[in-house]
Amino acid sequence: MTAQRVEGLIHVVRGQRVMLDVDLARLYEVTVGALNQAVKRNPARFPDDFAFQLAPQEAANLKSQIVISSWGGRRSAPWVFAVLLN
């Protein structure tokens, strides 16, 4: 995946540049379930300012900004992960 393509997957939420769990999972070639399970099982490795679950309204706002939804039939709000690149 090119840097330009990755840049297009970055969104601003709560004043932070973040990537959705679905996009990060695709980047690392793992399932979203495996990624989210790793976060839940290892909370010390994912501090609150690095990984957090969107509030329902935040998820709705973000979803309305994305033209093509790859979220499918999610039952819970997605997790987002801070982008630490310059």
PDB file of N, CA and C in Angstrom:
ATOM      1  N   MET A   1       0.855  -1.169   0.000  1.00  0.00           N
ATOM      2  CA  MET A   1       0.000   0.000   0.000  1.00  0.00           C
ATOM      3  C   MET A   1       0.902   1.233   0.000  1.00  0.00           C
ATOM      4  N   THR A   2       0.586   2.182  -0.831  1.00  0.00           N
ATOM      5  CA  THR A   2       1.414   3.380  -0.945  1.00  0.00           C
ATOM      6  C   THR A   2       1.144   4.350   0.200  1.00  0.00           C
ATOM      7  N   ALA A   3       2.106   5.222   0.438  1.00  0.00           N
ATOM      8  CA  ALA A   3       1.957   6.231   1.495  1.00  0.00           C
ATOM      9  C   ALA A   3       0.764   7.133   1.200  1.00  0.00           C
ATOM     10  N   GLN A   4       0.544   7.442  -0.064  1.00  0.00           N
ATOM     11  CA  GLN A   4      -0.581   8.303  -0.439  1.00  0.00           C
ATOM     12  C   GLN A   4      -1.911   7.609  -0.127  1.00  0.00           C
ATOM     13  N   ARG A   5      -1.974   6.320  -0.379  1.00  0.00           N
ATOM     14  CA  ARG A   5      -3.189   5.553  -0.087  1.00  0.00           C
ATOM     15  C   ARG A   5      -3.433   5.508   1.424  1.00  0.00           C
ATOM     16  N   VAL A   6      -2.382   5.296   2.197  1.00  0.00           N
ATOM     17  CA  VAL A   6      -2.509   5.266   3.656  1.00  0.00           C
ATOM     18  C   VAL A   6      -2.974   6.629   4.162  1.00  0.00           C
ATOM     19  N   GLU A   7      -2.431   7.686   3.619  1.00  0.00           N
ATOM     20  CA  GLU A   7      -2.827   9.044   4.032  1.00  0.00           C
ATOM     21  C   GLU A   7      -4.325   9.255   3.828  1.00  0.00           C
ATOM     22  N   GLY A   8      -4.881   8.663   2.783  1.00  0.00           N
ATOM     23  CA  GLY A   8      -6.312   8.779   2.519  1.00  0.00           C
ATOM     24  C   GLY A   8      -7.181   8.034   3.523  1.00  0.00           C
ATOM     25  N   LEU A   9      -6.584   7.152   4.295  1.00  0.00           N
ATOM     26  CA  LEU A   9      -7.319   6.374   5.295  1.00  0.00           C
ATOM     27  C   LEU A   9      -7.282   7.016   6.677  1.00  0.00           C
ATOM     28  N   ILE A  10      -6.602   8.134   6.786  1.00  0.00           N
ATOM     29  CA  ILE A  10      -6.453   8.816   8.074  1.00  0.00           C
ATOM     30  C   ILE A  10      -7.573   9.840   8.244  1.00  0.00           C
ATOM     31  N   HIS A  11      -8.179   9.834   9.411  1.00  0.00           N
ATOM     32  CA  HIS A  11      -9.274  10.746   9.750  1.00  0.00           C
ATOM     33  C   HIS A  11      -8.902  11.493  11.026  1.00  0.00           C
ATOM     34  N   VAL A  12      -9.561  12.608  11.276  1.00  0.00           N
ATOM     35  CA  VAL A  12      -9.339  13.356  12.513  1.00  0.00           C
ATOM     36  C   VAL A  12     -10.542  13.142  13.429  1.00  0.00           C
ATOM     37  N   VAL A  13     -10.267  12.594  14.602  1.00  0.00           N
ATOM     38  CA  VAL A  13     -11.292  12.352  15.616  1.00  0.00           C
ATOM     39  C   VAL A  13     -10.730  12.822  16.952  1.00  0.00           C
ATOM     40  N   ARG A  14     -11.499  13.621  17.674  1.00  0.00           N
ATOM     41  CA  ARG A  14     -11.073  14.162  18.975  1.00  0.00           C
ATOM     42  C   ARG A  14      -9.738  14.892  18.854  1.00  0.00           C
ATOM     43  N   GLY A  15      -9.525  15.535  17.715  1.00  0.00           N
ATOM     44  CA  GLY A  15      -8.305  16.299  17.500  1.00  0.00           C
ATOM     45  C   GLY A  15      -7.083  15.459  17.192  1.00  0.00           C
ATOM     46  N   GLN A  16      -7.260  14.156  17.012  1.00  0.00           N
ATOM     47  CA  GLN A  16      -6.143  13.258  16.713  1.00  0.00           C
ATOM     48  C   GLN A  16      -6.300  12.674  15.315  1.00  0.00           C
ATOM     49  N   ARG A  17      -5.168  12.432  14.672  1.00  0.00           N
ATOM     50  CA  ARG A  17      -5.165  11.722  13.397  1.00  0.00           C
ATOM     51  C   ARG A  17      -5.231  10.232  13.715  1.00  0.00           C
ATOM     52  N   VAL A  18      -6.255   9.558  13.184  1.00  0.00           N
ATOM     53  CA  VAL A  18      -6.482   8.151  13.507  1.00  0.00           C
ATOM     54  C   VAL A  18      -6.812   7.345  12.254  1.00  0.00           C
ATOM     55  N   MET A  19      -6.663   6.025  12.387  1.00  0.00           N
ATOM     56  CA  MET A  19      -7.105   5.087  11.357  1.00  0.00           C
ATOM     57  C   MET A  19      -8.157   4.177  11.969  1.00  0.00           C
ATOM     58  N   LEU A  20      -9.150   3.826  11.180  1.00  0.00           N
ATOM     59  CA  LEU A  20     -10.172   2.881  11.613  1.00  0.00           C
ATOM     60  C   LEU A  20      -9.591   1.481  11.742  1.00  0.00           C
ATOM     61  N   ASP A  21     -10.167   0.708  12.646  1.00  0.00           N
ATOM     62  CA  ASP A  21      -9.708  -0.666  12.831  1.00  0.00           C
ATOM     63  C   ASP A  21      -9.763  -1.473  11.543  1.00  0.00           C
ATOM     64  N   VAL A  22     -10.788  -1.279  10.737  1.00  0.00           N
ATOM     65  CA  VAL A  22     -10.926  -2.039   9.494  1.00  0.00           C
ATOM     66  C   VAL A  22      -9.783  -1.733   8.525  1.00  0.00           C
ATOM     67  N   ASP A  23      -9.359  -0.477   8.477  1.00  0.00           N
ATOM     68  CA  ASP A  23      -8.270  -0.086   7.581  1.00  0.00           C
ATOM     69  C   ASP A  23      -6.918  -0.550   8.112  1.00  0.00           C
ATOM     70  N   LEU A  24      -6.723  -0.452   9.420  1.00  0.00           N
ATOM     71  CA  LEU A  24      -5.464  -0.904  10.015  1.00  0.00           C
ATOM     72  C   LEU A  24      -5.320  -2.424   9.882  1.00  0.00           C
ATOM     73  N   ALA A  25      -6.419  -3.139  10.068  1.00  0.00           N
ATOM     74  CA  ALA A  25      -6.387  -4.596   9.908  1.00  0.00           C
ATOM     75  C   ALA A  25      -6.024  -4.966   8.473  1.00  0.00           C
ATOM     76  N   ARG A  26      -6.596  -4.267   7.512  1.00  0.00           N
ATOM     77  CA  ARG A  26      -6.271  -4.530   6.109  1.00  0.00           C
ATOM     78  C   ARG A  26      -4.797  -4.248   5.842  1.00  0.00           C
ATOM     79  N   LEU A  27      -4.274  -3.177   6.412  1.00  0.00           N
ATOM     80  CA  LEU A  27      -2.871  -2.806   6.230  1.00  0.00           C
ATOM     81  C   LEU A  27      -1.937  -3.897   6.765  1.00  0.00           C
ATOM     82  N   TYR A  28      -2.282  -4.470   7.917  1.00  0.00           N
ATOM     83  CA  TYR A  28      -1.451  -5.502   8.536  1.00  0.00           C
ATOM     84  C   TYR A  28      -1.862  -6.925   8.136  1.00  0.00           C
ATOM     85  N   GLU A  29      -2.847  -7.017   7.261  1.00  0.00           N
ATOM     86  CA  GLU A  29      -3.312  -8.305   6.745  1.00  0.00           C
ATOM     87  C   GLU A  29      -3.760  -9.257   7.850  1.00  0.00           C
ATOM     88  N   VAL A  30      -4.578  -8.719   8.755  1.00  0.00           N
ATOM     89  CA  VAL A  30      -5.216  -9.511   9.805  1.00  0.00           C
ATOM     90  C   VAL A  30      -6.705  -9.200   9.776  1.00  0.00           C
ATOM     91  N   THR A  31      -7.493  -9.999  10.463  1.00  0.00           N
ATOM     92  CA  THR A  31      -8.921  -9.706  10.520  1.00  0.00           C
ATOM     93  C   THR A  31      -9.176  -8.592  11.539  1.00  0.00           C
ATOM     94  N   VAL A  32     -10.284  -7.907  11.356  1.00  0.00           N
ATOM     95  CA  VAL A  32     -10.667  -6.869  12.315  1.00  0.00           C
ATOM     96  C   VAL A  32     -10.889  -7.505  13.683  1.00  0.00           C
ATOM     97  N   GLY A  33     -11.491  -8.680  13.692  1.00  0.00           N
ATOM     98  CA  GLY A  33     -11.729  -9.382  14.953  1.00  0.00           C
ATOM     99  C   GLY A  33     -10.439  -9.683  15.696  1.00  0.00           C
ATOM    100  N   ALA A  34      -9.420 -10.128  14.959  1.00  0.00           N
ATOM    101  CA  ALA A  34      -8.130 -10.432  15.595  1.00  0.00           C
ATOM    102  C   ALA A  34      -7.488  -9.165  16.150  1.00  0.00           C
ATOM    103  N   LEU A  35      -7.574  -8.071  15.403  1.00  0.00           N
ATOM    104  CA  LEU A  35      -7.005  -6.799  15.863  1.00  0.00           C
ATOM    105  C   LEU A  35      -7.710  -6.325  17.131  1.00  0.00           C
ATOM    106  N   ASN A  36      -9.027  -6.311  17.101  1.00  0.00           N
ATOM    107  CA  ASN A  36      -9.783  -5.836  18.262  1.00  0.00           C
ATOM    108  C   ASN A  36      -9.623  -6.765  19.463  1.00  0.00           C
ATOM    109  N   GLN A  37      -9.492  -8.050  19.214  1.00  0.00           N
ATOM    110  CA  GLN A  37      -9.259  -8.994  20.304  1.00  0.00           C
ATOM    111  C   GLN A  37      -7.901  -8.741  20.955  1.00  0.00           C
ATOM    112  N   ALA A  38      -6.895  -8.419  20.151  1.00  0.00           N
ATOM    113  CA  ALA A  38      -5.566  -8.103  20.690  1.00  0.00           C
ATOM    114  C   ALA A  38      -5.631  -6.876  21.592  1.00  0.00           C
ATOM    115  N   VAL A  39      -6.427  -5.888  21.192  1.00  0.00           N
ATOM    116  CA  VAL A  39      -6.576  -4.674  22.007  1.00  0.00           C
ATOM    117  C   VAL A  39      -7.226  -5.016  23.345  1.00  0.00           C
ATOM    118  N   LYS A  40      -8.275  -5.813  23.306  1.00  0.00           N
ATOM    119  CA  LYS A  40      -8.988  -6.161  24.536  1.00  0.00           C
ATOM    120  C   LYS A  40      -8.151  -7.042  25.463  1.00  0.00           C
ATOM    121  N   ARG A  41      -7.336  -7.910  24.892  1.00  0.00           N
ATOM    122  CA  ARG A  41      -6.527  -8.818  25.710  1.00  0.00           C
ATOM    123  C   ARG A  41      -5.251  -8.176  26.240  1.00  0.00           C
ATOM    124  N   ASN A  42      -4.810  -7.106  25.614  1.00  0.00           N
ATOM    125  CA  ASN A  42      -3.547  -6.462  25.992  1.00  0.00           C
ATOM    126  C   ASN A  42      -3.737  -4.960  26.186  1.00  0.00           C
ATOM    127  N   PRO A  43      -4.598  -4.544  27.109  1.00  0.00           N
ATOM    128  CA  PRO A  43      -4.890  -3.113  27.248  1.00  0.00           C
ATOM    129  C   PRO A  43      -3.671  -2.261  27.590  1.00  0.00           C
ATOM    130  N   ALA A  44      -2.688  -2.820  28.259  1.00  0.00           N
ATOM    131  CA  ALA A  44      -1.490  -2.043  28.614  1.00  0.00           C
ATOM    132  C   ALA A  44      -0.688  -1.649  27.378  1.00  0.00           C
ATOM    133  N   ARG A  45      -0.813  -2.411  26.319  1.00  0.00           N
ATOM    134  CA  ARG A  45      -0.078  -2.106  25.083  1.00  0.00           C
ATOM    135  C   ARG A  45      -0.795  -1.083  24.207  1.00  0.00           C
ATOM    136  N   PHE A  46      -2.037  -0.780  24.553  1.00  0.00           N
ATOM    137  CA  PHE A  46      -2.842   0.144  23.763  1.00  0.00           C
ATOM    138  C   PHE A  46      -3.430   1.215  24.683  1.00  0.00           C
ATOM    139  N   PRO A  47      -2.630   2.218  25.073  1.00  0.00           N
ATOM    140  CA  PRO A  47      -3.125   3.262  25.978  1.00  0.00           C
ATOM    141  C   PRO A  47      -4.344   3.985  25.389  1.00  0.00           C
ATOM    142  N   ASP A  48      -5.136   4.591  26.266  1.00  0.00           N
ATOM    143  CA  ASP A  48      -6.366   5.269  25.855  1.00  0.00           C
ATOM    144  C   ASP A  48      -6.148   6.366  24.823  1.00  0.00           C
ATOM    145  N   ASP A  49      -4.974   6.993  24.835  1.00  0.00           N
ATOM    146  CA  ASP A  49      -4.731   8.057  23.857  1.00  0.00           C
ATOM    147  C   ASP A  49      -4.210   7.502  22.530  1.00  0.00           C
ATOM    148  N   PHE A  50      -3.981   6.191  22.461  1.00  0.00           N
ATOM    149  CA  PHE A  50      -3.522   5.557  21.222  1.00  0.00           C
ATOM    150  C   PHE A  50      -4.644   4.780  20.539  1.00  0.00           C
ATOM    151  N   ALA A  51      -5.429   4.056  21.312  1.00  0.00           N
ATOM    152  CA  ALA A  51      -6.526   3.255  20.762  1.00  0.00           C
ATOM    153  C   ALA A  51      -7.774   3.495  21.596  1.00  0.00           C
ATOM    154  N   PHE A  52      -8.873   3.833  20.926  1.00  0.00           N
ATOM    155  CA  PHE A  52     -10.124   4.025  21.646  1.00  0.00           C
ATOM    156  C   PHE A  52     -11.293   3.703  20.733  1.00  0.00           C
ATOM    157  N   GLN A  53     -12.406   3.342  21.368  1.00  0.00           N
ATOM    158  CA  GLN A  53     -13.605   3.017  20.615  1.00  0.00           C
ATOM    159  C   GLN A  53     -14.417   4.292  20.439  1.00  0.00           C
ATOM    160  N   LEU A  54     -14.910   4.493  19.230  1.00  0.00           N
ATOM    161  CA  LEU A  54     -15.697   5.683  18.950  1.00  0.00           C
ATOM    162  C   LEU A  54     -17.026   5.636  19.688  1.00  0.00           C
ATOM    163  N   ALA A  55     -17.478   6.802  20.129  1.00  0.00           N
ATOM    164  CA  ALA A  55     -18.820   6.925  20.675  1.00  0.00           C
ATOM    165  C   ALA A  55     -19.800   6.772  19.505  1.00  0.00           C
ATOM    166  N   PRO A  56     -21.030   6.345  19.761  1.00  0.00           N
ATOM    167  CA  PRO A  56     -21.986   6.149  18.661  1.00  0.00           C
ATOM    168  C   PRO A  56     -22.137   7.369  17.748  1.00  0.00           C
ATOM    169  N   GLN A  57     -22.183   8.564  18.315  1.00  0.00           N
ATOM    170  CA  GLN A  57     -22.334   9.766  17.489  1.00  0.00           C
ATOM    171  C   GLN A  57     -21.084  10.022  16.654  1.00  0.00           C
ATOM    172  N   GLU A  58     -19.906   9.780  17.223  1.00  0.00           N
ATOM    173  CA  GLU A  58     -18.660   9.932  16.463  1.00  0.00           C
ATOM    174  C   GLU A  58     -18.632   8.959  15.287  1.00  0.00           C
ATOM    175  N   ALA A  59     -19.064   7.727  15.535  1.00  0.00           N
ATOM    176  CA  ALA A  59     -19.095   6.721  14.471  1.00  0.00           C
ATOM    177  C   ALA A  59     -20.056   7.140  13.370  1.00  0.00           C
ATOM    178  N   ALA A  60     -21.222   7.647  13.753  1.00  0.00           N
ATOM    179  CA  ALA A  60     -22.203   8.091  12.758  1.00  0.00           C
ATOM    180  C   ALA A  60     -21.668   9.262  11.946  1.00  0.00           C
ATOM    181  N   ASN A  61     -21.024  10.217  12.606  1.00  0.00           N
ATOM    182  CA  ASN A  61     -20.458  11.367  11.900  1.00  0.00           C
ATOM    183  C   ASN A  61     -19.374  10.935  10.930  1.00  0.00           C
ATOM    184  N   LEU A  62     -18.497  10.057  11.373  1.00  0.00           N
ATOM    185  CA  LEU A  62     -17.403   9.597  10.523  1.00  0.00           C
ATOM    186  C   LEU A  62     -17.938   8.775   9.360  1.00  0.00           C
ATOM    187  N   LYS A  63     -18.898   7.928   9.628  1.00  0.00           N
ATOM    188  CA  LYS A  63     -19.474   7.090   8.575  1.00  0.00           C
ATOM    189  C   LYS A  63     -20.121   7.946   7.495  1.00  0.00           C
ATOM    190  N   SER A  64     -20.745   9.055   7.883  1.00  0.00           N
ATOM    191  CA  SER A  64     -21.386   9.929   6.898  1.00  0.00           C
ATOM    192  C   SER A  64     -20.363  10.652   6.027  1.00  0.00           C
ATOM    193  N   GLN A  65     -19.123  10.766   6.482  1.00  0.00           N
ATOM    194  CA  GLN A  65     -18.072  11.431   5.707  1.00  0.00           C
ATOM    195  C   GLN A  65     -17.401  10.486   4.720  1.00  0.00           C
ATOM    196  N   ILE A  66     -17.538   9.183   4.936  1.00  0.00           N
ATOM    197  CA  ILE A  66     -16.886   8.192   4.084  1.00  0.00           C
ATOM    198  C   ILE A  66     -17.886   7.747   3.027  1.00  0.00           C
ATOM    199  N   VAL A  67     -17.536   7.943   1.768  1.00  0.00           N
ATOM    200  CA  VAL A  67     -18.465   7.668   0.674  1.00  0.00           C
ATOM    201  C   VAL A  67     -18.783   6.181   0.566  1.00  0.00           C
ATOM    202  N   ILE A  68     -17.766   5.338   0.548  1.00  0.00           N
ATOM    203  CA  ILE A  68     -17.977   3.899   0.429  1.00  0.00           C
ATOM    204  C   ILE A  68     -17.695   3.266   1.785  1.00  0.00           C
ATOM    205  N   SER A  69     -18.708   2.674   2.369  1.00  0.00           N
ATOM    206  CA  SER A  69     -18.542   2.072   3.692  1.00  0.00           C
ATOM    207  C   SER A  69     -18.018   0.653   3.585  1.00  0.00           C
ATOM    208  N   SER A  70     -16.926   0.395   4.294  1.00  0.00           N
ATOM    209  CA  SER A  70     -16.398  -0.967   4.365  1.00  0.00           C
ATOM    210  C   SER A  70     -16.692  -1.543   5.746  1.00  0.00           C
ATOM    211  N   TRP A  71     -17.594  -0.915   6.470  1.00  0.00           N
ATOM    212  CA  TRP A  71     -17.882  -1.326   7.834  1.00  0.00           C
ATOM    213  C   TRP A  71     -18.808  -2.530   7.886  1.00  0.00           C
ATOM    214  N   GLY A  72     -19.528  -2.791   6.821  1.00  0.00           N
ATOM    215  CA  GLY A  72     -20.433  -3.940   6.815  1.00  0.00           C
ATOM    216  C   GLY A  72     -21.523  -3.790   7.862  1.00  0.00           C
ATOM    217  N   GLY A  73     -21.932  -4.889   8.449  1.00  0.00           N
ATOM    218  CA  GLY A  73     -23.007  -4.872   9.433  1.00  0.00           C
ATOM    219  C   GLY A  73     -22.490  -4.872  10.852  1.00  0.00           C
ATOM    220  N   ARG A  74     -21.698  -3.911  11.193  1.00  0.00           N
ATOM    221  CA  ARG A  74     -21.102  -3.839  12.532  1.00  0.00           C
ATOM    222  C   ARG A  74     -22.180  -3.715  13.589  1.00  0.00           C
ATOM    223  N   ARG A  75     -21.923  -4.333  14.721  1.00  0.00           N
ATOM    224  CA  ARG A  75     -22.848  -4.255  15.852  1.00  0.00           C
ATOM    225  C   ARG A  75     -22.371  -3.274  16.902  1.00  0.00           C
ATOM    226  N   SER A  76     -21.116  -2.893  16.818  1.00  0.00           N
ATOM    227  CA  SER A  76     -20.569  -1.940  17.784  1.00  0.00           C
ATOM    228  C   SER A  76     -19.758  -0.889  17.038  1.00  0.00           C
ATOM    229  N   ALA A  77     -19.518   0.206  17.714  1.00  0.00           N
ATOM    230  CA  ALA A  77     -18.730   1.278  17.103  1.00  0.00           C
ATOM    231  C   ALA A  77     -17.298   0.791  16.872  1.00  0.00           C
ATOM    232  N   PRO A  78     -16.666   1.272  15.808  1.00  0.00           N
ATOM    233  CA  PRO A  78     -15.300   0.822  15.514  1.00  0.00           C
ATOM    234  C   PRO A  78     -14.281   1.396  16.489  1.00  0.00           C
ATOM    235  N   TRP A  79     -13.165   0.705  16.576  1.00  0.00           N
ATOM    236  CA  TRP A  79     -12.005   1.208  17.291  1.00  0.00           C
ATOM    237  C   TRP A  79     -11.205   2.046  16.314  1.00  0.00           C
ATOM    238  N   VAL A  80     -10.505   3.041  16.829  1.00  0.00           N
ATOM    239  CA  VAL A  80      -9.576   3.827  16.018  1.00  0.00           C
ATOM    240  C   VAL A  80      -8.222   3.830  16.716  1.00  0.00           C
ATOM    241  N   PHE A  81      -7.183   4.012  15.898  1.00  0.00           N
ATOM    242  CA  PHE A  81      -5.812   3.953  16.389  1.00  0.00           C
ATOM    243  C   PHE A  81      -5.073   5.200  15.939  1.00  0.00           C
ATOM    244  N   ALA A  82      -4.404   5.854  16.873  1.00  0.00           N
ATOM    245  CA  ALA A  82      -3.682   7.089  16.571  1.00  0.00           C
ATOM    246  C   ALA A  82      -2.579   6.824  15.557  1.00  0.00           C
ATOM    247  N   VAL A  83      -2.411   7.779  14.668  1.00  0.00           N
ATOM    248  CA  VAL A  83      -1.341   7.718  13.675  1.00  0.00           C
ATOM    249  C   VAL A  83      -0.175   8.505  14.240  1.00  0.00           C
ATOM    250  N   LEU A  84       0.944   7.857  14.393  1.00  0.00           N
ATOM    251  CA  LEU A  84       2.095   8.478  15.041  1.00  0.00           C
ATOM    252  C   LEU A  84       3.129   8.979  14.047  1.00  0.00           C
ATOM    253  N   LEU A  85       2.785   8.986  12.766  1.00  0.00           N
ATOM    254  CA  LEU A  85       3.706   9.477  11.741  1.00  0.00           C
ATOM    255  C   LEU A  85       3.621  10.988  11.645  1.00  0.00           C
ATOM    256  N   ASN A  86       4.657  11.600  11.102  1.00  0.00           N
ATOM    257  CA  ASN A  86       4.660  13.060  10.944  1.00  0.00           C
ATOM    258  C   ASN A  86       3.748  13.487   9.851  1.00  0.00           C
TER     259      ASN A  86
END
